[in-house]
Amino acid sequence: MSEKNPAKRAYVETYGCQMNVSDGELMEGILAAQGYEIVRSPEHADVVLVNTCAIREHAESRVLGRVAQLNGLKRERPEMVIGVTGCMAQRMGDDLLERAPYVDLVVGPDGYRSLPSALGRIAKVEEPRRRNQLTVLDLDPVENYQGLEQRRADGPMAWVPIQRGCDHRCTFCIVPYVRGPEKNREPGEVLAEVRGLAEQGVTEVTLLGQTVNSYRHGDTAFPELLRSVARVDGIRRVRFTSPHPIDVTPALVEVMAEEAAVCEHLHLPAQSGSNRTLKRMLRRYSVEELLDKVDLVRDAIPDIALSTDIIVAFPGETDDEYRETLALMRTVRFDDAYTYKYSLREGTPATRLPAEDFISSEEAQERLEGLIDLSRSIQSEINHSEVGRVEEVLIEKDGRHSGQVLGRTRRNKVVVFDGDSARIGDYAHVALDRTTGATFAGSEAVDAMTVAGA
């Protein structure tokens, strides 16, 4: 094989958020453009890249366990290259090579463009069971992967990254330190990509960014970009994640209300219901300001579904402040919530808080369980109240049982109903017949005019 392309088969295994999924597609695109065959299992790969998340300690432990498993394959095929990419790779750097000496390559989020050349540099030394090890960890203040094509799976939906990095410094979050400052793509390139996706049959796109609604490039702010994407011929649905509450502006809400393609769903990461905790998190808004945002959105789009992120047991959180978070949940009544107990990440400002502020694991788990119980109860009440509605569903994939398909409504509710694989990518009008509390079972409706909101 050539030095440029020492291995012909590559496998990318992704952990973490939607941005990581998009980065996995980007890496596959970069390697495919250099002649690599992308395979679907590590057993058939010459290069295995484990694309990682660093948000929580559990995610890193899981990855370390996974690369140890992959080392079993490497013992059988010493020529196989194991690489770790993404946020965990950036955070751990050379330490990762020490903790997992069978890893050959460590590449941070700004190094994917150089993957082919990096792989070319990992050449065998005289002993067949040893390799050079390499780290690519420089953060690039302008790298947004402009001009590179992702290798997306076939299907009706696509992630479209418009922003990388983050300028916020939330004290619990590692992202600014592993992905660098905010870098926004040129709007013309974003629109060209969306048009190309529409020509390929994609009908739903999700715009991605660490704080996606803070996007600005030249004179184009996020509301203008969102409106332009929503008007691309062939695009029926537009979503975006993950926004920051401070950038939920009247201009953004106006676009969401006016543009038919923009879905009636907003992810609004509250993180806490305590003003003192929010201040210590450096979230830059108060509970009262957050509630004003909720009112702004619901006044303009009464049928909107809201989801959120909540962290409990942040260092220094008192019992009363925890109860304030529960009170916020009862007040807003989010349709869905992603709930976490605080996880200490080395390198974040929160690690410098006084040791006595840190809450025991047992107490943190108790608070998390209370939050989960409340969140699920609210979600169940909301979803049971929606049984009987008829909504438009985009069929995304097969259901768990034979003869069923799964899709989502515009309001991001998951629905399973009878259908077959041939209909993936189609839209159907589905009656929401019953719910488990979290998801719906439905039946296809004949009369499209009964669709909610029609």
Protein backbone atom coordinates (compact mmCIF):
# COMPACT_ATOMS: atom_id res chain seq x y z
CA MET A 1 0.00 0.00 0.00
CA SER A 2 1.11 3.55 -0.62
CA GLU A 3 2.60 5.72 2.15
CA LYS A 4 -0.26 8.16 1.61
CA ASN A 5 -2.80 5.45 2.31
CA PRO A 6 -1.25 2.70 4.47
CA ALA A 7 -4.60 1.09 5.20
CA LYS A 8 -7.62 0.74 2.99
CA ARG A 9 -10.40 -0.06 5.44
CA ALA A 10 -11.49 2.28 8.22
CA TYR A 11 -14.10 2.06 10.95
CA VAL A 12 -15.30 5.05 13.01
CA GLU A 13 -17.11 4.38 16.30
CA THR A 14 -18.74 7.45 17.85
CA TYR A 15 -19.74 8.27 21.43
CA GLY A 16 -21.44 11.40 22.71
CA CYS A 17 -23.47 14.27 21.35
CA GLN A 18 -24.87 15.14 17.93
CA MET A 19 -21.74 17.18 17.17
CA ASN A 20 -19.68 14.03 17.70
CA VAL A 21 -21.98 12.13 15.33
CA SER A 22 -21.43 14.86 12.76
CA ASP A 23 -17.67 14.74 13.35
CA GLY A 24 -17.75 10.98 12.81
CA GLU A 25 -19.39 11.56 9.43
CA LEU A 26 -16.74 14.19 8.67
CA MET A 27 -13.89 11.79 9.45
CA GLU A 28 -15.47 9.12 7.27
CA GLY A 29 -15.77 11.66 4.45
CA ILE A 30 -12.13 12.72 4.78
CA LEU A 31 -10.90 9.13 4.73
CA ALA A 32 -13.22 8.06 1.92
CA ALA A 33 -11.91 10.94 -0.20
CA GLN A 34 -8.41 9.48 0.25
CA GLY A 35 -9.45 6.02 -0.94
CA TYR A 36 -10.36 4.32 2.31
CA GLU A 37 -13.25 1.88 2.33
CA ILE A 38 -15.52 2.68 5.28
CA VAL A 39 -16.57 -0.56 6.99
CA ARG A 40 -19.18 -1.22 9.66
CA SER A 41 -17.24 -3.30 12.18
CA PRO A 42 -13.76 -3.09 13.72
CA GLU A 43 -13.14 -6.75 12.88
CA HIS A 44 -12.94 -5.78 9.19
CA ALA A 45 -10.90 -2.58 9.61
CA ASP A 46 -7.25 -1.72 9.26
CA VAL A 47 -7.84 1.59 11.03
CA VAL A 48 -10.25 1.92 13.98
CA LEU A 49 -11.05 5.43 15.20
CA VAL A 50 -12.93 5.80 18.48
CA ASN A 51 -14.58 9.22 18.40
CA THR A 52 -15.05 10.42 21.94
CA CYS A 53 -16.86 12.71 24.37
CA ALA A 54 -15.32 14.40 27.44
CA ILE A 55 -18.43 15.90 29.01
CA ARG A 56 -18.73 13.28 31.75
CA GLU A 57 -16.28 10.97 33.51
CA HIS A 58 -18.46 7.93 32.74
CA ALA A 59 -18.08 8.57 29.00
CA GLU A 60 -14.29 8.59 29.28
CA SER A 61 -14.25 5.41 31.36
CA ARG A 62 -16.42 3.73 28.76
CA VAL A 63 -14.02 4.70 25.97
CA LEU A 64 -10.97 3.46 27.88
CA GLY A 65 -12.74 0.14 28.35
CA ARG A 66 -13.61 0.02 24.67
CA VAL A 67 -10.08 0.64 23.40
CA ALA A 68 -8.86 -2.07 25.78
CA GLN A 69 -11.32 -4.44 24.09
CA LEU A 70 -10.07 -3.35 20.66
CA ASN A 71 -6.55 -4.19 21.75
CA GLY A 72 -7.68 -7.81 21.66
CA LEU A 73 -8.16 -7.45 17.91
CA LYS A 74 -4.81 -5.73 17.64
CA ARG A 75 -3.04 -8.66 19.27
CA GLU A 76 -4.39 -10.84 16.47
CA ARG A 77 -3.52 -8.23 13.80
CA PRO A 78 -0.59 -6.09 15.05
CA GLU A 79 -0.74 -3.96 11.91
CA MET A 80 -4.15 -2.57 12.89
CA VAL A 81 -4.12 1.10 13.88
CA ILE A 82 -6.19 2.25 16.86
CA GLY A 83 -6.90 5.96 17.08
CA VAL A 84 -8.82 8.00 19.63
CA THR A 85 -10.32 11.24 18.37
CA GLY A 86 -12.54 14.02 19.67
CA CYS A 87 -12.98 15.83 22.97
CA MET A 88 -11.58 13.14 25.26
CA ALA A 89 -8.53 12.86 23.01
CA GLN A 90 -7.98 16.62 23.25
CA ARG A 91 -8.43 16.64 27.03
CA MET A 92 -6.16 13.69 27.83
CA GLY A 93 -3.55 14.14 25.09
CA ASP A 94 -0.31 12.26 25.69
CA ASP A 95 -1.68 10.90 28.96
CA LEU A 96 -4.03 8.76 26.89
CA LEU A 97 -1.07 7.09 25.20
CA GLU A 98 0.37 6.30 28.61
CA ARG A 99 -2.89 4.89 30.00
CA ALA A 100 -3.63 2.96 26.80
CA PRO A 101 -0.23 2.23 25.20
CA TYR A 102 -1.86 0.19 22.45
CA VAL A 103 -3.39 3.40 21.04
CA ASP A 104 -1.41 4.63 18.04
CA LEU A 105 -3.04 7.98 17.29
CA VAL A 106 -4.70 10.73 19.35
CA VAL A 107 -6.44 13.49 17.39
CA GLY A 108 -8.35 16.46 18.79
CA PRO A 109 -11.44 18.08 17.22
CA ASP A 110 -9.42 20.48 15.07
CA GLY A 111 -7.11 17.81 13.63
CA TYR A 112 -9.42 15.77 11.43
CA ARG A 113 -8.27 17.39 8.19
CA SER A 114 -4.82 15.91 8.81
CA LEU A 115 -6.06 12.36 9.51
CA PRO A 116 -4.76 10.84 6.23
CA SER A 117 -1.29 12.33 6.65
CA ALA A 118 -1.19 11.37 10.33
CA LEU A 119 -2.04 7.78 9.46
CA GLY A 120 0.69 7.86 6.83
CA ARG A 121 3.21 8.84 9.51
CA ILE A 122 2.34 5.89 11.73
CA ALA A 123 4.75 3.49 10.10
CA LYS A 124 6.01 0.18 11.44
CA VAL A 125 9.38 0.16 13.13
CA GLU A 126 11.64 -2.87 12.97
CA GLU A 127 9.67 -4.81 15.59
CA PRO A 128 6.37 -5.81 13.96
CA ARG A 129 4.41 -5.40 17.19
CA ARG A 130 5.50 -1.78 17.79
CA ARG A 131 4.48 1.44 16.09
CA ASN A 132 5.18 5.10 16.27
CA GLN A 133 2.59 6.94 18.37
CA LEU A 134 1.31 10.34 17.35
CA THR A 135 -0.80 13.12 18.85
CA VAL A 136 -2.47 15.90 16.83
CA LEU A 137 -3.81 18.31 19.44
CA ASP A 138 -3.35 21.90 18.25
CA LEU A 139 -6.53 23.97 18.47
CA ASP A 140 -6.98 26.03 15.32
CA PRO A 141 -8.84 29.35 15.77
CA VAL A 142 -10.17 29.24 12.19
CA GLU A 143 -10.71 25.53 11.45
CA ASN A 144 -14.38 24.93 10.67
CA TYR A 145 -13.76 22.24 8.02
CA GLN A 146 -15.00 24.43 5.22
CA GLY A 147 -14.81 22.69 1.87
CA LEU A 148 -14.86 19.15 3.26
CA GLU A 149 -17.74 16.76 2.71
CA GLN A 150 -19.29 14.54 5.36
CA ARG A 151 -20.04 10.93 4.57
CA ARG A 152 -23.65 10.71 5.65
CA ALA A 153 -25.70 7.57 5.91
CA ASP A 154 -28.63 7.27 3.54
CA GLY A 155 -31.83 8.60 5.04
CA PRO A 156 -34.23 11.52 5.12
CA MET A 157 -32.39 13.49 7.84
CA ALA A 158 -29.00 15.17 8.09
CA TRP A 159 -26.96 17.04 10.69
CA VAL A 160 -25.49 20.28 9.32
CA PRO A 161 -22.76 21.78 11.54
CA ILE A 162 -22.74 25.58 11.30
CA GLN A 163 -20.55 26.34 14.30
CA ARG A 164 -17.65 24.78 16.17
CA GLY A 165 -16.24 25.68 19.57
CA CYS A 166 -17.74 27.92 22.24
CA ASP A 167 -17.10 31.40 23.65
CA HIS A 168 -19.04 30.75 26.86
CA ARG A 169 -17.18 29.65 29.94
CA CYS A 170 -19.79 27.79 31.95
CA THR A 171 -17.85 26.63 34.98
CA PHE A 172 -18.98 22.98 34.71
CA CYS A 173 -18.20 22.57 31.00
CA ILE A 174 -15.06 21.26 29.31
CA VAL A 175 -16.17 22.09 25.74
CA PRO A 176 -14.43 25.49 25.35
CA TYR A 177 -11.16 23.91 26.41
CA VAL A 178 -11.30 20.92 24.09
CA ARG A 179 -13.00 22.54 21.08
CA GLY A 180 -11.64 26.05 21.32
CA PRO A 181 -13.40 29.36 20.65
CA GLU A 182 -16.56 29.77 18.57
CA LYS A 183 -15.99 29.46 14.81
CA ASN A 184 -18.91 29.96 12.43
CA ARG A 185 -19.18 28.72 8.86
CA GLU A 186 -19.82 31.05 5.96
CA PRO A 187 -23.59 31.20 5.40
CA GLY A 188 -23.34 30.67 1.65
CA GLU A 189 -21.52 27.40 2.20
CA VAL A 190 -24.12 26.26 4.73
CA LEU A 191 -26.93 27.00 2.27
CA ALA A 192 -25.08 25.27 -0.56
CA GLU A 193 -24.73 22.18 1.62
CA VAL A 194 -28.42 22.20 2.53
CA ARG A 195 -29.42 22.57 -1.14
CA GLY A 196 -27.18 19.65 -2.02
CA LEU A 197 -28.79 17.54 0.70
CA ALA A 198 -32.25 18.42 -0.58
CA GLU A 199 -31.23 17.32 -4.07
CA GLN A 200 -30.18 13.97 -2.56
CA GLY A 201 -33.62 13.49 -1.02
CA VAL A 202 -32.99 14.77 2.51
CA THR A 203 -36.09 16.56 3.79
CA GLU A 204 -35.13 17.31 7.42
CA VAL A 205 -31.97 19.09 8.53
CA THR A 206 -30.73 19.92 12.01
CA LEU A 207 -28.35 22.88 12.33
CA LEU A 208 -25.61 22.08 14.84
CA GLY A 209 -23.49 24.24 17.10
CA GLN A 210 -22.25 24.29 20.67
CA THR A 211 -24.44 27.35 21.24
CA VAL A 212 -26.00 27.29 17.82
CA ASN A 213 -28.18 30.40 18.13
CA SER A 214 -25.17 32.60 18.95
CA TYR A 215 -24.09 32.05 15.31
CA ARG A 216 -22.96 35.16 13.47
CA HIS A 217 -20.90 35.46 10.30
CA GLY A 218 -20.42 38.96 8.98
CA ASP A 219 -23.86 40.56 8.79
CA THR A 220 -25.69 37.23 9.06
CA ALA A 221 -26.99 36.29 12.50
CA PHE A 222 -28.65 33.00 13.35
CA PRO A 223 -32.26 34.09 12.74
CA GLU A 224 -31.39 35.14 9.18
CA LEU A 225 -29.55 31.89 8.49
CA LEU A 226 -32.42 29.86 9.93
CA ARG A 227 -34.93 31.65 7.72
CA SER A 228 -32.81 31.05 4.61
CA VAL A 229 -32.38 27.34 5.39
CA ALA A 230 -36.12 26.99 6.02
CA ARG A 231 -36.82 28.33 2.52
CA VAL A 232 -34.58 25.89 0.64
CA ASP A 233 -36.66 23.96 -1.89
CA GLY A 234 -37.22 20.38 -0.79
CA ILE A 235 -36.57 20.96 2.92
CA ARG A 236 -39.75 20.26 4.89
CA ARG A 237 -38.35 20.36 8.41
CA VAL A 238 -35.61 22.36 10.13
CA ARG A 239 -34.39 21.87 13.68
CA PHE A 240 -31.42 23.32 15.55
CA THR A 241 -29.42 22.32 18.62
CA SER A 242 -28.12 23.19 21.10
CA PRO A 243 -29.19 26.79 21.71
CA HIS A 244 -28.29 28.98 24.67
CA PRO A 245 -31.14 30.75 26.48
CA ILE A 246 -29.52 34.18 26.30
CA ASP A 247 -29.68 34.05 22.50
CA VAL A 248 -33.37 33.14 22.34
CA THR A 249 -34.34 36.56 21.00
CA PRO A 250 -37.56 38.05 19.63
CA ALA A 251 -35.98 37.93 16.16
CA LEU A 252 -35.32 34.19 16.49
CA VAL A 253 -38.79 33.45 17.83
CA GLU A 254 -40.32 35.45 14.99
CA VAL A 255 -38.56 33.27 12.42
CA MET A 256 -39.61 30.12 14.26
CA ALA A 257 -43.24 31.27 14.24
CA GLU A 258 -43.30 32.46 10.64
CA GLU A 259 -41.34 29.82 8.73
CA ALA A 260 -43.44 26.72 8.05
CA ALA A 261 -40.41 24.40 7.86
CA VAL A 262 -39.09 25.27 11.32
CA CYS A 263 -40.34 22.62 13.73
CA GLU A 264 -42.39 23.42 16.81
CA HIS A 265 -39.74 22.25 19.23
CA LEU A 266 -37.11 24.14 21.19
CA HIS A 267 -34.37 22.73 23.38
CA LEU A 268 -33.81 25.25 26.17
CA PRO A 269 -31.01 24.13 28.53
CA ALA A 270 -31.97 25.61 31.90
CA GLN A 271 -29.25 23.72 33.88
CA SER A 272 -30.64 24.87 37.25
CA GLY A 273 -33.64 26.54 38.86
CA SER A 274 -31.55 28.44 41.40
CA ASN A 275 -30.23 31.93 40.69
CA ARG A 276 -27.26 31.38 43.01
CA THR A 277 -26.36 28.15 41.25
CA LEU A 278 -26.81 29.70 37.80
CA LYS A 279 -24.45 32.49 38.82
CA ARG A 280 -21.87 29.98 40.04
CA MET A 281 -22.29 28.09 36.77
CA LEU A 282 -21.70 31.37 34.89
CA ARG A 283 -24.85 30.85 32.83
CA ARG A 284 -25.48 34.61 32.35
CA TYR A 285 -29.23 34.57 32.95
CA SER A 286 -31.52 34.39 35.95
CA VAL A 287 -34.46 32.07 36.53
CA GLU A 288 -36.77 35.04 35.93
CA GLU A 289 -35.10 35.80 32.59
CA LEU A 290 -35.37 32.15 31.60
CA LEU A 291 -39.09 32.15 32.38
CA ASP A 292 -39.46 35.31 30.27
CA LYS A 293 -37.90 33.38 27.37
CA VAL A 294 -40.37 30.55 27.90
CA ASP A 295 -43.27 33.03 27.83
CA LEU A 296 -41.86 34.69 24.70
CA VAL A 297 -41.73 31.38 22.85
CA ARG A 298 -45.08 30.06 24.02
CA ASP A 299 -46.87 33.33 23.26
CA ALA A 300 -45.64 33.17 19.66
CA ILE A 301 -45.91 29.38 19.20
CA PRO A 302 -48.56 28.07 21.64
CA ASP A 303 -48.17 24.43 20.57
CA ILE A 304 -44.39 24.34 20.94
CA ALA A 305 -42.72 21.46 22.80
CA LEU A 306 -39.86 22.40 25.11
CA SER A 307 -37.00 20.20 26.27
CA THR A 308 -34.13 21.02 28.60
CA ASP A 309 -30.88 19.99 30.30
CA ILE A 310 -30.67 20.01 34.09
CA ILE A 311 -27.67 19.41 36.38
CA VAL A 312 -28.19 18.67 40.06
CA ALA A 313 -25.61 18.56 42.88
CA PHE A 314 -23.45 21.29 41.39
CA PRO A 315 -20.84 22.16 44.03
CA GLY A 316 -22.43 24.25 46.75
CA GLU A 317 -26.03 23.50 45.77
CA THR A 318 -28.12 23.48 48.95
CA ASP A 319 -31.26 21.45 49.59
CA ASP A 320 -33.33 24.60 49.11
CA GLU A 321 -31.63 25.33 45.77
CA TYR A 322 -32.27 21.77 44.63
CA ARG A 323 -35.94 22.27 45.50
CA GLU A 324 -35.89 25.49 43.45
CA THR A 325 -34.86 23.39 40.45
CA LEU A 326 -37.78 21.05 41.06
CA ALA A 327 -40.04 24.11 41.30
CA LEU A 328 -38.77 25.33 37.92
CA MET A 329 -39.60 21.96 36.40
CA ARG A 330 -43.15 22.16 37.77
CA THR A 331 -43.55 25.73 36.53
CA VAL A 332 -42.30 25.25 32.97
CA ARG A 333 -43.43 21.64 32.49
CA PHE A 334 -40.86 20.61 29.90
CA ASP A 335 -41.93 17.94 27.43
CA ASP A 336 -38.59 16.20 27.91
CA ALA A 337 -35.52 16.67 30.07
CA TYR A 338 -31.95 15.37 29.94
CA THR A 339 -30.94 15.07 33.57
CA TYR A 340 -27.49 14.74 35.09
CA LYS A 341 -25.71 14.86 38.40
CA TYR A 342 -22.64 17.09 38.37
CA SER A 343 -19.52 15.35 37.09
CA LEU A 344 -16.17 16.95 37.90
CA ARG A 345 -14.06 17.54 34.78
CA GLU A 346 -10.40 18.38 35.27
CA GLY A 347 -9.56 21.66 33.58
CA THR A 348 -12.92 23.32 34.22
CA PRO A 349 -13.29 26.31 36.60
CA ALA A 350 -15.67 24.38 38.88
CA THR A 351 -12.79 22.15 40.01
CA ARG A 352 -11.36 25.18 41.84
CA LEU A 353 -14.42 25.61 44.05
CA PRO A 354 -13.84 24.87 47.76
CA ALA A 355 -13.59 21.17 48.57
CA GLU A 356 -16.35 21.44 51.17
CA ASP A 357 -18.77 22.54 48.41
CA PHE A 358 -18.62 19.18 46.65
CA ILE A 359 -21.66 16.99 47.29
CA SER A 360 -21.32 13.32 48.12
CA SER A 361 -22.06 10.82 45.39
CA GLU A 362 -24.89 9.33 47.44
CA GLU A 363 -26.61 12.68 47.94
CA ALA A 364 -26.06 13.61 44.27
CA GLN A 365 -27.64 10.33 43.16
CA GLU A 366 -30.61 10.88 45.47
CA ARG A 367 -31.19 14.33 44.01
CA LEU A 368 -30.87 13.00 40.47
CA GLU A 369 -33.40 10.26 41.11
CA GLY A 370 -35.86 12.81 42.51
CA LEU A 371 -35.40 15.00 39.45
CA ILE A 372 -35.84 12.06 37.08
CA ASP A 373 -39.04 10.97 38.83
CA LEU A 374 -40.51 14.46 38.56
CA SER A 375 -39.41 14.92 34.95
CA ARG A 376 -40.88 11.59 33.86
CA SER A 377 -44.12 12.32 35.69
CA ILE A 378 -44.52 15.66 33.92
CA GLN A 379 -43.62 14.13 30.55
CA SER A 380 -46.13 11.35 31.09
CA GLU A 381 -48.90 13.79 32.01
CA ILE A 382 -48.21 15.90 28.93
CA ASN A 383 -48.06 12.92 26.59
CA HIS A 384 -51.21 11.31 27.97
CA SER A 385 -53.00 14.61 27.37
CA GLU A 386 -51.95 14.39 23.69
CA VAL A 387 -53.38 10.94 23.04
CA GLY A 388 -55.95 11.33 20.27
CA ARG A 389 -54.03 13.96 18.34
CA VAL A 390 -53.16 13.30 14.70
CA GLU A 391 -49.72 14.54 13.70
CA GLU A 392 -47.35 14.45 10.77
CA VAL A 393 -44.59 11.89 11.33
CA LEU A 394 -41.38 11.52 9.36
CA ILE A 395 -40.61 7.79 9.19
CA GLU A 396 -36.97 7.42 10.24
CA LYS A 397 -36.29 3.69 10.69
CA ASP A 398 -37.71 0.28 11.47
CA GLY A 399 -39.33 -0.17 14.86
CA ARG A 400 -38.15 -2.76 17.37
CA HIS A 401 -40.82 -5.22 16.28
CA SER A 402 -41.31 -6.67 12.81
CA GLY A 403 -43.83 -4.79 10.69
CA GLN A 404 -43.42 -1.51 12.57
CA VAL A 405 -41.67 1.75 11.80
CA LEU A 406 -40.54 4.60 14.03
CA GLY A 407 -40.62 8.31 13.42
CA ARG A 408 -40.94 11.70 15.06
CA THR A 409 -43.54 14.41 14.97
CA ARG A 410 -42.62 18.02 14.27
CA ARG A 411 -42.74 18.50 18.05
CA ASN A 412 -40.06 15.82 18.46
CA LYS A 413 -42.36 13.16 19.89
CA VAL A 414 -41.39 9.56 19.05
CA VAL A 415 -44.14 7.44 17.49
CA VAL A 416 -44.20 3.73 16.54
CA PHE A 417 -46.86 2.40 14.14
CA ASP A 418 -47.43 -0.31 11.55
CA GLY A 419 -45.36 0.02 8.38
CA ASP A 420 -42.39 -1.42 6.51
CA SER A 421 -38.85 -0.39 5.62
CA ALA A 422 -39.83 0.74 2.14
CA ARG A 423 -41.52 3.75 3.71
CA ILE A 424 -38.46 5.13 5.51
CA GLY A 425 -38.19 8.76 4.46
CA ASP A 426 -41.92 9.13 3.85
CA TYR A 427 -44.28 11.35 5.83
CA ALA A 428 -47.45 9.93 7.35
CA HIS A 429 -50.39 11.33 9.28
CA VAL A 430 -50.56 9.28 12.45
CA ALA A 431 -53.11 9.18 15.24
CA LEU A 432 -51.45 9.05 18.67
CA ASP A 433 -53.42 6.13 20.13
CA ARG A 434 -51.60 5.51 23.39
CA THR A 435 -48.38 6.33 25.21
CA THR A 436 -45.96 4.67 27.58
CA GLY A 437 -45.39 8.11 29.04
CA ALA A 438 -42.24 8.69 26.99
CA THR A 439 -43.15 7.49 23.48
CA PHE A 440 -46.35 6.95 21.49
CA ALA A 441 -47.94 4.05 19.66
CA GLY A 442 -50.10 5.16 16.78
CA SER A 443 -52.08 4.22 13.72
CA GLU A 444 -52.00 5.83 10.33
CA ALA A 445 -54.83 8.32 9.80
CA VAL A 446 -56.75 8.49 6.55
CA ASP A 447 -57.95 12.08 6.82
CA ALA A 448 -54.92 14.36 6.63
CA MET A 449 -57.05 17.38 7.51
CA THR A 450 -57.30 16.16 11.09
CA VAL A 451 -53.59 16.69 11.61
CA ALA A 452 -52.88 18.84 14.64
CA GLY A 453 -52.29 22.39 13.50
CA ALA A 454 -53.63 21.79 9.97
